[in-house]
Amino acid sequence: MKKTTILFLFLAGLIISSCKKSYTCDCVLTNNHTGTAPDSTYTRNYKNASTAYDSKMTEKQAKAACDHEAESIISNYNSANAAFYAQVSSLPLPKANPNDHYSATCTLK
């Protein structure tokens, strides 16, 4: 009975560990601009560097981490953008365009 239990635990551990693998998260920052002039509606994609996860994880864990990457990219971009416009507010530079919308899309590979 003891040998069967040990064998079962060994096999269960082997099966669980084989479900984990290494993943990479590829993200793209997208800028959608809609203006009033006919030629001023456009979309620009900015390819960001891929993030390779060092530790092996399940697909669900990797997807959650990759989704968090997208949130972080937008948060970092908005913070940097706000800081930039705060610093140059006294200069005669154009202000942030309210017609610009940024989004980040991350895919798991």
Foldseek 3Di string as FASTA:
>chain_A
DVVVVVVVVVVVVVVVVVQWDKKKKWKKKKKFADDDDPPTTDMDIDTDDIDIDPDTDHPVVVVVVNVVVFVVVVVVVVVVLVVVCVVCVVPPDDHDDPRIDMGMDMDMD
